[in-house]
Amino acid sequence: MCVEVQIRTIAMDFWASLEHKIFYKYNKSVPESMTRELKNAADAAHALDLQMERLHRDIKEIKDDDEDDDLSSFEELRRIVIHNQQFTLPANFIKLLGDR
């Protein structure tokens, strides 16, 4: 049995549903102006998908940078220098202090 699986963004799904209604459910010829508007809508949906993908990537980078900063700060807290000798405190000890 052959099947078709479509993976779409919300914008793509909205466009495809409308396009299906226009070309497969409408019994008359589709006016050229409507075809042109549908093409413009497809372009707009594509641009929106690209923008949302970029925003998602930017947010992930910000989040990853924050996590890296938090980890770096945590590692700095673990190091202590006494009489010019460096010691590393156990991670669980630092976490215990942070819980208070």
PDB file of N, CA and C in Angstrom:
ATOM      1  N   MET A   1       0.844  -1.175   0.000  1.00  0.00           N
ATOM      2  CA  MET A   1       0.000   0.000   0.000  1.00  0.00           C
ATOM      3  C   MET A   1       0.892   1.241   0.000  1.00  0.00           C
ATOM      4  N   CYS A   2       0.623   2.158  -0.892  1.00  0.00           N
ATOM      5  CA  CYS A   2       1.374   3.405  -0.952  1.00  0.00           C
ATOM      6  C   CYS A   2       0.683   4.439  -0.077  1.00  0.00           C
ATOM      7  N   VAL A   3       1.498   5.207   0.625  1.00  0.00           N
ATOM      8  CA  VAL A   3       0.957   6.285   1.453  1.00  0.00           C
ATOM      9  C   VAL A   3       1.773   7.547   1.204  1.00  0.00           C
ATOM     10  N   GLU A   4       1.183   8.665   1.538  1.00  0.00           N
ATOM     11  CA  GLU A   4       1.881   9.948   1.438  1.00  0.00           C
ATOM     12  C   GLU A   4       1.879  10.554   2.836  1.00  0.00           C
ATOM     13  N   VAL A   5       3.060  10.895   3.304  1.00  0.00           N
ATOM     14  CA  VAL A   5       3.192  11.534   4.607  1.00  0.00           C
ATOM     15  C   VAL A   5       3.654  12.959   4.361  1.00  0.00           C
ATOM     16  N   GLN A   6       2.918  13.913   4.926  1.00  0.00           N
ATOM     17  CA  GLN A   6       3.282  15.318   4.767  1.00  0.00           C
ATOM     18  C   GLN A   6       3.606  15.898   6.135  1.00  0.00           C
ATOM     19  N   ILE A   7       4.764  16.499   6.213  1.00  0.00           N
ATOM     20  CA  ILE A   7       5.164  17.193   7.423  1.00  0.00           C
ATOM     21  C   ILE A   7       5.152  18.672   7.088  1.00  0.00           C
ATOM     22  N   ARG A   8       4.324  19.422   7.811  1.00  0.00           N
ATOM     23  CA  ARG A   8       4.142  20.837   7.490  1.00  0.00           C
ATOM     24  C   ARG A   8       4.234  21.694   8.742  1.00  0.00           C
ATOM     25  N   THR A   9       4.604  22.931   8.510  1.00  0.00           N
ATOM     26  CA  THR A   9       4.483  23.919   9.577  1.00  0.00           C
ATOM     27  C   THR A   9       3.019  24.347   9.613  1.00  0.00           C
ATOM     28  N   ILE A  10       2.639  25.092  10.633  1.00  0.00           N
ATOM     29  CA  ILE A  10       1.261  25.586  10.727  1.00  0.00           C
ATOM     30  C   ILE A  10       0.929  26.463   9.524  1.00  0.00           C
ATOM     31  N   ALA A  11       1.885  27.328   9.145  1.00  0.00           N
ATOM     32  CA  ALA A  11       1.656  28.211   7.997  1.00  0.00           C
ATOM     33  C   ALA A  11       1.461  27.395   6.716  1.00  0.00           C
ATOM     34  N   MET A  12       2.280  26.366   6.524  1.00  0.00           N
ATOM     35  CA  MET A  12       2.145  25.524   5.336  1.00  0.00           C
ATOM     36  C   MET A  12       0.801  24.796   5.321  1.00  0.00           C
ATOM     37  N   ASP A  13       0.382  24.309   6.493  1.00  0.00           N
ATOM     38  CA  ASP A  13      -0.870  23.569   6.581  1.00  0.00           C
ATOM     39  C   ASP A  13      -2.059  24.466   6.248  1.00  0.00           C
ATOM     40  N   PHE A  14      -2.037  25.689   6.760  1.00  0.00           N
ATOM     41  CA  PHE A  14      -3.110  26.638   6.463  1.00  0.00           C
ATOM     42  C   PHE A  14      -3.190  26.896   4.959  1.00  0.00           C
ATOM     43  N   TRP A  15      -2.043  27.134   4.354  1.00  0.00           N
ATOM     44  CA  TRP A  15      -1.992  27.407   2.914  1.00  0.00           C
ATOM     45  C   TRP A  15      -2.485  26.192   2.121  1.00  0.00           C
ATOM     46  N   ALA A  16      -1.995  25.012   2.476  1.00  0.00           N
ATOM     47  CA  ALA A  16      -2.351  23.801   1.736  1.00  0.00           C
ATOM     48  C   ALA A  16      -3.841  23.500   1.853  1.00  0.00           C
ATOM     49  N   SER A  17      -4.419  23.740   3.023  1.00  0.00           N
ATOM     50  CA  SER A  17      -5.860  23.505   3.201  1.00  0.00           C
ATOM     51  C   SER A  17      -6.663  24.436   2.306  1.00  0.00           C
ATOM     52  N   LEU A  18      -6.274  25.679   2.269  1.00  0.00           N
ATOM     53  CA  LEU A  18      -6.970  26.653   1.424  1.00  0.00           C
ATOM     54  C   LEU A  18      -6.786  26.314  -0.059  1.00  0.00           C
ATOM     55  N   GLU A  19      -5.574  25.973  -0.437  1.00  0.00           N
ATOM     56  CA  GLU A  19      -5.283  25.625  -1.832  1.00  0.00           C
ATOM     57  C   GLU A  19      -6.110  24.414  -2.247  1.00  0.00           C
ATOM     58  N   HIS A  20      -6.233  23.438  -1.356  1.00  0.00           N
ATOM     59  CA  HIS A  20      -7.027  22.240  -1.653  1.00  0.00           C
ATOM     60  C   HIS A  20      -8.497  22.612  -1.882  1.00  0.00           C
ATOM     61  N   LYS A  21      -9.017  23.495  -1.015  1.00  0.00           N
ATOM     62  CA  LYS A  21     -10.416  23.922  -1.175  1.00  0.00           C
ATOM     63  C   LYS A  21     -10.622  24.647  -2.504  1.00  0.00           C
ATOM     64  N   ILE A  22      -9.665  25.459  -2.888  1.00  0.00           N
ATOM     65  CA  ILE A  22      -9.808  26.233  -4.123  1.00  0.00           C
ATOM     66  C   ILE A  22      -9.720  25.339  -5.359  1.00  0.00           C
ATOM     67  N   PHE A  23      -8.726  24.469  -5.416  1.00  0.00           N
ATOM     68  CA  PHE A  23      -8.488  23.712  -6.647  1.00  0.00           C
ATOM     69  C   PHE A  23      -9.219  22.375  -6.725  1.00  0.00           C
ATOM     70  N   TYR A  24      -9.618  21.793  -5.591  1.00  0.00           N
ATOM     71  CA  TYR A  24     -10.251  20.481  -5.652  1.00  0.00           C
ATOM     72  C   TYR A  24     -11.712  20.488  -5.235  1.00  0.00           C
ATOM     73  N   LYS A  25     -12.157  21.506  -4.526  1.00  0.00           N
ATOM     74  CA  LYS A  25     -13.546  21.542  -4.074  1.00  0.00           C
ATOM     75  C   LYS A  25     -14.382  22.564  -4.850  1.00  0.00           C
ATOM     76  N   TYR A  26     -13.714  23.479  -5.535  1.00  0.00           N
ATOM     77  CA  TYR A  26     -14.374  24.541  -6.291  1.00  0.00           C
ATOM     78  C   TYR A  26     -14.620  24.031  -7.703  1.00  0.00           C
ATOM     79  N   ASN A  27     -15.870  24.038  -8.162  1.00  0.00           N
ATOM     80  CA  ASN A  27     -16.223  23.417  -9.436  1.00  0.00           C
ATOM     81  C   ASN A  27     -16.019  24.310 -10.660  1.00  0.00           C
ATOM     82  N   LYS A  28     -15.720  25.570 -10.455  1.00  0.00           N
ATOM     83  CA  LYS A  28     -15.545  26.482 -11.581  1.00  0.00           C
ATOM     84  C   LYS A  28     -14.061  26.756 -11.791  1.00  0.00           C
ATOM     85  N   SER A  29     -13.741  27.423 -12.889  1.00  0.00           N
ATOM     86  CA  SER A  29     -12.332  27.754 -13.116  1.00  0.00           C
ATOM     87  C   SER A  29     -11.897  28.813 -12.092  1.00  0.00           C
ATOM     88  N   VAL A  30     -10.671  28.671 -11.647  1.00  0.00           N
ATOM     89  CA  VAL A  30     -10.144  29.562 -10.608  1.00  0.00           C
ATOM     90  C   VAL A  30      -9.634  30.831 -11.284  1.00  0.00           C
ATOM     91  N   PRO A  31     -10.118  31.989 -10.845  1.00  0.00           N
ATOM     92  CA  PRO A  31      -9.650  33.246 -11.435  1.00  0.00           C
ATOM     93  C   PRO A  31      -8.145  33.431 -11.247  1.00  0.00           C
ATOM     94  N   GLU A  32      -7.516  34.023 -12.245  1.00  0.00           N
ATOM     95  CA  GLU A  32      -6.063  34.241 -12.193  1.00  0.00           C
ATOM     96  C   GLU A  32      -5.670  35.086 -10.981  1.00  0.00           C
ATOM     97  N   SER A  33      -6.510  36.058 -10.621  1.00  0.00           N
ATOM     98  CA  SER A  33      -6.200  36.903  -9.459  1.00  0.00           C
ATOM     99  C   SER A  33      -6.125  36.071  -8.176  1.00  0.00           C
ATOM    100  N   MET A  34      -6.984  35.061  -8.072  1.00  0.00           N
ATOM    101  CA  MET A  34      -6.962  34.200  -6.893  1.00  0.00           C
ATOM    102  C   MET A  34      -5.710  33.320  -6.886  1.00  0.00           C
ATOM    103  N   THR A  35      -5.334  32.827  -8.056  1.00  0.00           N
ATOM    104  CA  THR A  35      -4.106  32.027  -8.169  1.00  0.00           C
ATOM    105  C   THR A  35      -2.896  32.869  -7.773  1.00  0.00           C
ATOM    106  N   ARG A  36      -2.883  34.121  -8.222  1.00  0.00           N
ATOM    107  CA  ARG A  36      -1.784  35.030  -7.889  1.00  0.00           C
ATOM    108  C   ARG A  36      -1.744  35.293  -6.374  1.00  0.00           C
ATOM    109  N   GLU A  37      -2.931  35.517  -5.791  1.00  0.00           N
ATOM    110  CA  GLU A  37      -2.973  35.752  -4.338  1.00  0.00           C
ATOM    111  C   GLU A  37      -2.538  34.521  -3.560  1.00  0.00           C
ATOM    112  N   LEU A  38      -2.908  33.362  -4.045  1.00  0.00           N
ATOM    113  CA  LEU A  38      -2.491  32.116  -3.397  1.00  0.00           C
ATOM    114  C   LEU A  38      -0.971  31.961  -3.454  1.00  0.00           C
ATOM    115  N   LYS A  39      -0.385  32.327  -4.593  1.00  0.00           N
ATOM    116  CA  LYS A  39       1.085  32.290  -4.730  1.00  0.00           C
ATOM    117  C   LYS A  39       1.726  33.281  -3.763  1.00  0.00           C
ATOM    118  N   ASN A  40       1.162  34.482  -3.656  1.00  0.00           N
ATOM    119  CA  ASN A  40       1.681  35.478  -2.699  1.00  0.00           C
ATOM    120  C   ASN A  40       1.571  34.964  -1.266  1.00  0.00           C
ATOM    121  N   ALA A  41       0.463  34.285  -0.966  1.00  0.00           N
ATOM    122  CA  ALA A  41       0.283  33.721   0.373  1.00  0.00           C
ATOM    123  C   ALA A  41       1.323  32.629   0.641  1.00  0.00           C
ATOM    124  N   ALA A  42       1.622  31.826  -0.379  1.00  0.00           N
ATOM    125  CA  ALA A  42       2.646  30.785  -0.226  1.00  0.00           C
ATOM    126  C   ALA A  42       4.007  31.415   0.052  1.00  0.00           C
ATOM    127  N   ASP A  43       4.319  32.481  -0.669  1.00  0.00           N
ATOM    128  CA  ASP A  43       5.589  33.185  -0.437  1.00  0.00           C
ATOM    129  C   ASP A  43       5.644  33.771   0.972  1.00  0.00           C
ATOM    130  N   ALA A  44       4.516  34.342   1.416  1.00  0.00           N
ATOM    131  CA  ALA A  44       4.461  34.926   2.760  1.00  0.00           C
ATOM    132  C   ALA A  44       4.603  33.837   3.830  1.00  0.00           C
ATOM    133  N   ALA A  45       3.957  32.690   3.612  1.00  0.00           N
ATOM    134  CA  ALA A  45       4.063  31.574   4.562  1.00  0.00           C
ATOM    135  C   ALA A  45       5.507  31.077   4.632  1.00  0.00           C
ATOM    136  N   HIS A  46       6.149  31.006   3.492  1.00  0.00           N
ATOM    137  CA  HIS A  46       7.552  30.568   3.453  1.00  0.00           C
ATOM    138  C   HIS A  46       8.451  31.561   4.206  1.00  0.00           C
ATOM    139  N   ALA A  47       8.215  32.858   3.958  1.00  0.00           N
ATOM    140  CA  ALA A  47       9.005  33.884   4.651  1.00  0.00           C
ATOM    141  C   ALA A  47       8.771  33.811   6.168  1.00  0.00           C
ATOM    142  N   LEU A  48       7.522  33.583   6.561  1.00  0.00           N
ATOM    143  CA  LEU A  48       7.208  33.453   7.988  1.00  0.00           C
ATOM    144  C   LEU A  48       7.910  32.239   8.590  1.00  0.00           C
ATOM    145  N   ASP A  49       7.888  31.120   7.890  1.00  0.00           N
ATOM    146  CA  ASP A  49       8.585  29.921   8.375  1.00  0.00           C
ATOM    147  C   ASP A  49      10.076  30.180   8.561  1.00  0.00           C
ATOM    148  N   LEU A  50      10.689  30.865   7.598  1.00  0.00           N
ATOM    149  CA  LEU A  50      12.120  31.176   7.702  1.00  0.00           C
ATOM    150  C   LEU A  50      12.391  32.098   8.894  1.00  0.00           C
ATOM    151  N   GLN A  51      11.524  33.098   9.076  1.00  0.00           N
ATOM    152  CA  GLN A  51      11.687  34.029  10.193  1.00  0.00           C
ATOM    153  C   GLN A  51      11.534  33.300  11.531  1.00  0.00           C
ATOM    154  N   MET A  52      10.543  32.441  11.644  1.00  0.00           N
ATOM    155  CA  MET A  52      10.327  31.705  12.894  1.00  0.00           C
ATOM    156  C   MET A  52      11.483  30.743  13.162  1.00  0.00           C
ATOM    157  N   GLU A  53      12.009  30.129  12.115  1.00  0.00           N
ATOM    158  CA  GLU A  53      13.156  29.238  12.278  1.00  0.00           C
ATOM    159  C   GLU A  53      14.374  30.017  12.775  1.00  0.00           C
ATOM    160  N   ARG A  54      14.581  31.218  12.200  1.00  0.00           N
ATOM    161  CA  ARG A  54      15.703  32.057  12.633  1.00  0.00           C
ATOM    162  C   ARG A  54      15.530  32.485  14.090  1.00  0.00           C
ATOM    163  N   LEU A  55      14.316  32.896  14.456  1.00  0.00           N
ATOM    164  CA  LEU A  55      14.053  33.288  15.843  1.00  0.00           C
ATOM    165  C   LEU A  55      14.277  32.118  16.794  1.00  0.00           C
ATOM    166  N   HIS A  56      13.830  30.944  16.403  1.00  0.00           N
ATOM    167  CA  HIS A  56      14.035  29.754  17.235  1.00  0.00           C
ATOM    168  C   HIS A  56      15.532  29.492  17.438  1.00  0.00           C
ATOM    169  N   ARG A  57      16.287  29.605  16.357  1.00  0.00           N
ATOM    170  CA  ARG A  57      17.739  29.388  16.428  1.00  0.00           C
ATOM    171  C   ARG A  57      18.401  30.446  17.314  1.00  0.00           C
ATOM    172  N   ASP A  58      17.983  31.719  17.159  1.00  0.00           N
ATOM    173  CA  ASP A  58      18.551  32.806  17.973  1.00  0.00           C
ATOM    174  C   ASP A  58      18.245  32.604  19.458  1.00  0.00           C
ATOM    175  N   ILE A  59      17.022  32.209  19.761  1.00  0.00           N
ATOM    176  CA  ILE A  59      16.638  31.971  21.158  1.00  0.00           C
ATOM    177  C   ILE A  59      17.436  30.811  21.736  1.00  0.00           C
ATOM    178  N   LYS A  60      17.622  29.763  20.936  1.00  0.00           N
ATOM    179  CA  LYS A  60      18.415  28.612  21.401  1.00  0.00           C
ATOM    180  C   LYS A  60      19.853  29.031  21.697  1.00  0.00           C
ATOM    181  N   GLU A  61      20.429  29.866  20.827  1.00  0.00           N
ATOM    182  CA  GLU A  61      21.799  30.345  21.056  1.00  0.00           C
ATOM    183  C   GLU A  61      21.884  31.153  22.346  1.00  0.00           C
ATOM    184  N   ILE A  62      20.913  32.030  22.573  1.00  0.00           N
ATOM    185  CA  ILE A  62      20.892  32.825  23.807  1.00  0.00           C
ATOM    186  C   ILE A  62      20.794  31.911  25.021  1.00  0.00           C
ATOM    187  N   LYS A  63      19.904  30.929  24.946  1.00  0.00           N
ATOM    188  CA  LYS A  63      19.724  29.989  26.053  1.00  0.00           C
ATOM    189  C   LYS A  63      21.006  29.192  26.296  1.00  0.00           C
ATOM    190  N   ASP A  64      21.628  28.710  25.217  1.00  0.00           N
ATOM    191  CA  ASP A  64      22.866  27.945  25.350  1.00  0.00           C
ATOM    192  C   ASP A  64      23.986  28.808  25.951  1.00  0.00           C
ATOM    193  N   ASP A  65      24.064  30.076  25.521  1.00  0.00           N
ATOM    194  CA  ASP A  65      25.070  30.990  26.086  1.00  0.00           C
ATOM    195  C   ASP A  65      24.838  31.207  27.570  1.00  0.00           C
ATOM    196  N   ASP A  66      23.566  31.370  27.968  1.00  0.00           N
ATOM    197  CA  ASP A  66      23.238  31.546  29.387  1.00  0.00           C
ATOM    198  C   ASP A  66      23.634  30.315  30.191  1.00  0.00           C
ATOM    199  N   GLU A  67      23.361  29.133  29.623  1.00  0.00           N
ATOM    200  CA  GLU A  67      23.728  27.900  30.317  1.00  0.00           C
ATOM    201  C   GLU A  67      25.247  27.784  30.437  1.00  0.00           C
ATOM    202  N   ASP A  68      25.975  28.177  29.378  1.00  0.00           N
ATOM    203  CA  ASP A  68      27.437  28.155  29.423  1.00  0.00           C
ATOM    204  C   ASP A  68      27.956  29.118  30.487  1.00  0.00           C
ATOM    205  N   ASP A  69      27.335  30.322  30.569  1.00  0.00           N
ATOM    206  CA  ASP A  69      27.730  31.304  31.586  1.00  0.00           C
ATOM    207  C   ASP A  69      27.462  30.771  32.983  1.00  0.00           C
ATOM    208  N   ASP A  70      26.287  30.121  33.153  1.00  0.00           N
ATOM    209  CA  ASP A  70      25.946  29.553  34.455  1.00  0.00           C
ATOM    210  C   ASP A  70      26.941  28.475  34.849  1.00  0.00           C
ATOM    211  N   LEU A  71      27.310  27.624  33.893  1.00  0.00           N
ATOM    212  CA  LEU A  71      28.267  26.556  34.161  1.00  0.00           C
ATOM    213  C   LEU A  71      29.629  27.142  34.491  1.00  0.00           C
ATOM    214  N   SER A  72      30.035  28.170  33.734  1.00  0.00           N
ATOM    215  CA  SER A  72      31.309  28.829  33.983  1.00  0.00           C
ATOM    216  C   SER A  72      31.336  29.449  35.375  1.00  0.00           C
ATOM    217  N   SER A  73      30.249  30.127  35.745  1.00  0.00           N
ATOM    218  CA  SER A  73      30.159  30.728  37.082  1.00  0.00           C
ATOM    219  C   SER A  73      30.200  29.654  38.150  1.00  0.00           C
ATOM    220  N   PHE A  74      29.522  28.555  37.904  1.00  0.00           N
ATOM    221  CA  PHE A  74      29.505  27.450  38.849  1.00  0.00           C
ATOM    222  C   PHE A  74      30.918  26.895  39.047  1.00  0.00           C
ATOM    223  N   GLU A  75      31.656  26.732  37.948  1.00  0.00           N
ATOM    224  CA  GLU A  75      33.020  26.214  38.043  1.00  0.00           C
ATOM    225  C   GLU A  75      33.924  27.192  38.790  1.00  0.00           C
ATOM    226  N   GLU A  76      33.694  28.492  38.577  1.00  0.00           N
ATOM    227  CA  GLU A  76      34.480  29.490  39.309  1.00  0.00           C
ATOM    228  C   GLU A  76      34.201  29.414  40.801  1.00  0.00           C
ATOM    229  N   LEU A  77      32.954  29.147  41.171  1.00  0.00           N
ATOM    230  CA  LEU A  77      32.598  29.024  42.585  1.00  0.00           C
ATOM    231  C   LEU A  77      33.281  27.819  43.238  1.00  0.00           C
ATOM    232  N   ARG A  78      33.516  26.795  42.464  1.00  0.00           N
ATOM    233  CA  ARG A  78      34.125  25.577  43.003  1.00  0.00           C
ATOM    234  C   ARG A  78      35.600  25.764  43.346  1.00  0.00           C
ATOM    235  N   ARG A  79      36.254  26.741  42.712  1.00  0.00           N
ATOM    236  CA  ARG A  79      37.690  26.938  42.953  1.00  0.00           C
ATOM    237  C   ARG A  79      37.894  27.927  44.099  1.00  0.00           C
ATOM    238  N   ILE A  80      38.758  27.566  44.980  1.00  0.00           N
ATOM    239  CA  ILE A  80      39.096  28.437  46.104  1.00  0.00           C
ATOM    240  C   ILE A  80      40.617  28.428  46.272  1.00  0.00           C
ATOM    241  N   VAL A  81      41.171  29.594  46.560  1.00  0.00           N
ATOM    242  CA  VAL A  81      42.618  29.712  46.741  1.00  0.00           C
ATOM    243  C   VAL A  81      42.885  30.099  48.195  1.00  0.00           C
ATOM    244  N   ILE A  82      43.709  29.273  48.851  1.00  0.00           N
ATOM    245  CA  ILE A  82      44.120  29.537  50.237  1.00  0.00           C
ATOM    246  C   ILE A  82      45.637  29.459  50.275  1.00  0.00           C
ATOM    247  N   HIS A  83      46.278  30.539  50.720  1.00  0.00           N
ATOM    248  CA  HIS A  83      47.743  30.607  50.783  1.00  0.00           C
ATOM    249  C   HIS A  83      48.375  30.171  49.464  1.00  0.00           C
ATOM    250  N   ASN A  84      47.883  30.760  48.382  1.00  0.00           N
ATOM    251  CA  ASN A  84      48.391  30.512  47.031  1.00  0.00           C
ATOM    252  C   ASN A  84      48.248  29.058  46.571  1.00  0.00           C
ATOM    253  N   GLN A  85      47.402  28.305  47.229  1.00  0.00           N
ATOM    254  CA  GLN A  85      47.117  26.942  46.780  1.00  0.00           C
ATOM    255  C   GLN A  85      45.657  26.880  46.345  1.00  0.00           C
ATOM    256  N   GLN A  86      45.439  26.296  45.179  1.00  0.00           N
ATOM    257  CA  GLN A  86      44.073  26.218  44.649  1.00  0.00           C
ATOM    258  C   GLN A  86      43.445  24.890  45.033  1.00  0.00           C
ATOM    259  N   PHE A  87      42.208  24.976  45.488  1.00  0.00           N
ATOM    260  CA  PHE A  87      41.428  23.796  45.850  1.00  0.00           C
ATOM    261  C   PHE A  87      40.115  23.836  45.065  1.00  0.00           C
ATOM    262  N   THR A  88      39.582  22.668  44.799  1.00  0.00           N
ATOM    263  CA  THR A  88      38.288  22.581  44.132  1.00  0.00           C
ATOM    264  C   THR A  88      37.293  21.966  45.106  1.00  0.00           C
ATOM    265  N   LEU A  89      36.240  22.712  45.369  1.00  0.00           N
ATOM    266  CA  LEU A  89      35.210  22.234  46.283  1.00  0.00           C
ATOM    267  C   LEU A  89      34.296  21.255  45.546  1.00  0.00           C
ATOM    268  N   PRO A  90      33.749  20.290  46.250  1.00  0.00           N
ATOM    269  CA  PRO A  90      32.848  19.330  45.609  1.00  0.00           C
ATOM    270  C   PRO A  90      31.592  20.030  45.057  1.00  0.00           C
ATOM    271  N   ALA A  91      31.156  19.598  43.912  1.00  0.00           N
ATOM    272  CA  ALA A  91      29.994  20.203  43.261  1.00  0.00           C
ATOM    273  C   ALA A  91      28.760  20.136  44.156  1.00  0.00           C
ATOM    274  N   ASN A  92      28.562  19.030  44.849  1.00  0.00           N
ATOM    275  CA  ASN A  92      27.393  18.899  45.724  1.00  0.00           C
ATOM    276  C   ASN A  92      27.426  19.910  46.865  1.00  0.00           C
ATOM    277  N   PHE A  93      28.610  20.249  47.341  1.00  0.00           N
ATOM    278  CA  PHE A  93      28.754  21.253  48.395  1.00  0.00           C
ATOM    279  C   PHE A  93      28.295  22.622  47.890  1.00  0.00           C
ATOM    280  N   ILE A  94      28.720  22.985  46.688  1.00  0.00           N
ATOM    281  CA  ILE A  94      28.323  24.263  46.105  1.00  0.00           C
ATOM    282  C   ILE A  94      26.816  24.291  45.866  1.00  0.00           C
ATOM    283  N   LYS A  95      26.268  23.186  45.373  1.00  0.00           N
ATOM    284  CA  LYS A  95      24.818  23.125  45.151  1.00  0.00           C
ATOM    285  C   LYS A  95      24.066  23.250  46.463  1.00  0.00           C
ATOM    286  N   LEU A  96      24.590  22.648  47.517  1.00  0.00           N
ATOM    287  CA  LEU A  96      23.966  22.759  48.830  1.00  0.00           C
ATOM    288  C   LEU A  96      23.928  24.215  49.291  1.00  0.00           C
ATOM    289  N   LEU A  97      25.023  24.943  49.057  1.00  0.00           N
ATOM    290  CA  LEU A  97      25.064  26.361  49.432  1.00  0.00           C
ATOM    291  C   LEU A  97      24.066  27.176  48.614  1.00  0.00           C
ATOM    292  N   GLY A  98      23.912  26.821  47.359  1.00  0.00           N
ATOM    293  CA  GLY A  98      22.986  27.554  46.482  1.00  0.00           C
ATOM    294  C   GLY A  98      21.532  27.314  46.825  1.00  0.00           C
ATOM    295  N   ASP A  99      21.233  26.200  47.477  1.00  0.00           N
ATOM    296  CA  ASP A  99      19.850  25.885  47.834  1.00  0.00           C
ATOM    297  C   ASP A  99      19.345  26.700  49.002  1.00  0.00           C
ATOM    298  N   ARG A 100      20.228  27.374  49.682  1.00  0.00           N
ATOM    299  CA  ARG A 100      19.816  28.124  50.891  1.00  0.00           C
ATOM    300  C   ARG A 100      19.362  29.501  50.555  1.00  0.00           C
TER     301      ARG A 100
END
